[in-house]
Amino acid sequence: MSIKLTVLSNGSLRVEGTDIELVDAQGQPYGLGGRERISICRCGLSNQKPFCDGSHKGHFEHAAVAFDLPTPKPATPPVTPPNSGTTLG
């Protein structure tokens, strides 16, 4: 099963799937105890960050409505300085 991430209105990010892996900044995995659904805090108020503990209730408002991001601009190739044609020697 693929991983599904749902942005909840006035709440967390819900992650659902049969093989969820969540790692910290050093790449170490969080022990999820086999859970197939977790909620990630996005308000910053949770005492169990990065997991949601419901602390956002009444303190965080965001209407989750989907929209399309603009198409990314192509990467600009690096500029190579022209060869001056001079040699040292």
C-alpha atoms as a PDB file:
ATOM      1  CA  MET A   1       0.000   0.000   0.000  1.00  0.00           C
ATOM      2  CA  SER A   2       1.193   3.502  -0.701  1.00  0.00           C
ATOM      3  CA  ILE A   3       1.503   6.151   1.975  1.00  0.00           C
ATOM      4  CA  LYS A   4      -1.336   8.673   2.163  1.00  0.00           C
ATOM      5  CA  LEU A   5      -0.745  12.082   3.763  1.00  0.00           C
ATOM      6  CA  THR A   6      -3.841  14.114   4.639  1.00  0.00           C
ATOM      7  CA  VAL A   7      -3.727  17.768   5.703  1.00  0.00           C
ATOM      8  CA  LEU A   8      -6.488  18.134   8.282  1.00  0.00           C
ATOM      9  CA  SER A   9      -8.298  21.442   8.713  1.00  0.00           C
ATOM     10  CA  ASN A  10      -7.305  23.076  12.008  1.00  0.00           C
ATOM     11  CA  GLY A  11      -5.138  20.116  12.855  1.00  0.00           C
ATOM     12  CA  SER A  12      -2.345  17.717  12.111  1.00  0.00           C
ATOM     13  CA  LEU A  13      -0.944  15.904   9.115  1.00  0.00           C
ATOM     14  CA  ARG A  14      -2.374  12.386   9.103  1.00  0.00           C
ATOM     15  CA  VAL A  15      -0.080   9.717   7.659  1.00  0.00           C
ATOM     16  CA  GLU A  16      -1.602   6.349   6.726  1.00  0.00           C
ATOM     17  CA  GLY A  17       0.000   3.257   5.260  1.00  0.00           C
ATOM     18  CA  THR A  18       1.215  -0.230   6.030  1.00  0.00           C
ATOM     19  CA  ASP A  19       4.928   0.576   5.926  1.00  0.00           C
ATOM     20  CA  ILE A  20       5.363   4.050   7.466  1.00  0.00           C
ATOM     21  CA  GLU A  21       8.926   5.085   8.243  1.00  0.00           C
ATOM     22  CA  LEU A  22       9.533   8.368  10.052  1.00  0.00           C
ATOM     23  CA  VAL A  23      13.139   9.388  10.726  1.00  0.00           C
ATOM     24  CA  ASP A  24      14.733  12.251  12.648  1.00  0.00           C
ATOM     25  CA  ALA A  25      17.254  14.768  11.256  1.00  0.00           C
ATOM     26  CA  GLN A  26      20.076  12.240  11.760  1.00  0.00           C
ATOM     27  CA  GLY A  27      18.192   9.508   9.886  1.00  0.00           C
ATOM     28  CA  GLN A  28      17.284   7.543  13.035  1.00  0.00           C
ATOM     29  CA  PRO A  29      13.816   5.961  12.871  1.00  0.00           C
ATOM     30  CA  TYR A  30      11.066   6.698  15.362  1.00  0.00           C
ATOM     31  CA  GLY A  31       9.573   3.568  16.899  1.00  0.00           C
ATOM     32  CA  LEU A  32       5.996   3.552  15.648  1.00  0.00           C
ATOM     33  CA  GLY A  33       5.003   0.257  17.252  1.00  0.00           C
ATOM     34  CA  GLY A  34       3.548  -1.117  14.019  1.00  0.00           C
ATOM     35  CA  ARG A  35       1.040   1.716  13.669  1.00  0.00           C
ATOM     36  CA  GLU A  36      -0.566   2.159  10.257  1.00  0.00           C
ATOM     37  CA  ARG A  37      -1.772   5.681  11.059  1.00  0.00           C
ATOM     38  CA  ILE A  38       0.054   8.513  12.829  1.00  0.00           C
ATOM     39  CA  SER A  39      -0.568  12.243  13.134  1.00  0.00           C
ATOM     40  CA  ILE A  40       2.235  14.770  12.757  1.00  0.00           C
ATOM     41  CA  CYS A  41       2.032  18.116  14.581  1.00  0.00           C
ATOM     42  CA  ARG A  42       2.025  21.198  12.379  1.00  0.00           C
ATOM     43  CA  CYS A  43       1.022  23.843  14.950  1.00  0.00           C
ATOM     44  CA  GLY A  44       4.165  23.556  17.107  1.00  0.00           C
ATOM     45  CA  LEU A  45       2.216  23.213  20.377  1.00  0.00           C
ATOM     46  CA  SER A  46       2.490  19.444  20.913  1.00  0.00           C
ATOM     47  CA  ASN A  47       4.470  18.139  23.880  1.00  0.00           C
ATOM     48  CA  GLN A  48       5.216  15.003  21.843  1.00  0.00           C
ATOM     49  CA  LYS A  49       6.668  16.591  18.691  1.00  0.00           C
ATOM     50  CA  PRO A  50       6.813  15.538  15.949  1.00  0.00           C
ATOM     51  CA  PHE A  51       3.586  13.720  16.871  1.00  0.00           C
ATOM     52  CA  CYS A  52       0.282  15.489  17.441  1.00  0.00           C
ATOM     53  CA  ASP A  53      -1.147  15.309  20.965  1.00  0.00           C
ATOM     54  CA  GLY A  54      -4.212  17.498  20.350  1.00  0.00           C
ATOM     55  CA  SER A  55      -2.689  20.656  21.881  1.00  0.00           C
ATOM     56  CA  HIS A  56      -3.728  22.626  18.777  1.00  0.00           C
ATOM     57  CA  LYS A  57      -7.423  22.562  19.657  1.00  0.00           C
ATOM     58  CA  GLY A  58      -8.627  26.154  19.839  1.00  0.00           C
ATOM     59  CA  HIS A  59      -5.140  27.545  19.092  1.00  0.00           C
ATOM     60  CA  PHE A  60      -4.538  26.763  15.434  1.00  0.00           C
ATOM     61  CA  GLU A  61      -6.626  27.619  12.402  1.00  0.00           C
ATOM     62  CA  HIS A  62      -5.992  26.521   8.865  1.00  0.00           C
ATOM     63  CA  ALA A  63      -8.630  25.499   6.355  1.00  0.00           C
ATOM     64  CA  ALA A  64      -7.030  22.651   4.429  1.00  0.00           C
ATOM     65  CA  VAL A  65      -8.023  23.223   0.809  1.00  0.00           C
ATOM     66  CA  ALA A  66      -5.989  21.641  -1.987  1.00  0.00           C
ATOM     67  CA  PHE A  67      -4.367  23.763  -4.702  1.00  0.00           C
ATOM     68  CA  ASP A  68      -1.795  23.233  -7.434  1.00  0.00           C
ATOM     69  CA  LEU A  69       1.790  24.387  -6.993  1.00  0.00           C
ATOM     70  CA  PRO A  70       3.341  26.168  -9.970  1.00  0.00           C
ATOM     71  CA  THR A  71       5.526  24.100 -12.269  1.00  0.00           C
ATOM     72  CA  PRO A  72       9.153  24.250 -11.076  1.00  0.00           C
ATOM     73  CA  LYS A  73      11.518  26.254 -13.219  1.00  0.00           C
ATOM     74  CA  PRO A  74      14.251  24.237 -14.934  1.00  0.00           C
ATOM     75  CA  ALA A  75      17.644  24.329 -13.281  1.00  0.00           C
ATOM     76  CA  THR A  76      20.005  26.876 -14.776  1.00  0.00           C
ATOM     77  CA  PRO A  77      23.159  25.232 -16.123  1.00  0.00           C
ATOM     78  CA  PRO A  78      26.407  26.507 -14.580  1.00  0.00           C
ATOM     79  CA  VAL A  79      28.197  29.221 -16.519  1.00  0.00           C
ATOM     80  CA  THR A  80      31.598  28.108 -17.821  1.00  0.00           C
ATOM     81  CA  PRO A  81      34.056  30.986 -18.241  1.00  0.00           C
ATOM     82  CA  PRO A  82      35.423  31.239 -21.761  1.00  0.00           C
ATOM     83  CA  ASN A  83      38.978  30.000 -22.368  1.00  0.00           C
ATOM     84  CA  SER A  84      41.207  33.085 -22.534  1.00  0.00           C
ATOM     85  CA  GLY A  85      43.609  31.351 -24.891  1.00  0.00           C
ATOM     86  CA  THR A  86      46.657  32.402 -22.868  1.00  0.00           C
ATOM     87  CA  THR A  87      49.179  29.942 -21.570  1.00  0.00           C
ATOM     88  CA  LEU A  88      51.610  30.318 -18.748  1.00  0.00           C
ATOM     89  CA  GLY A  89      55.111  29.281 -19.315  1.00  0.00           C
END
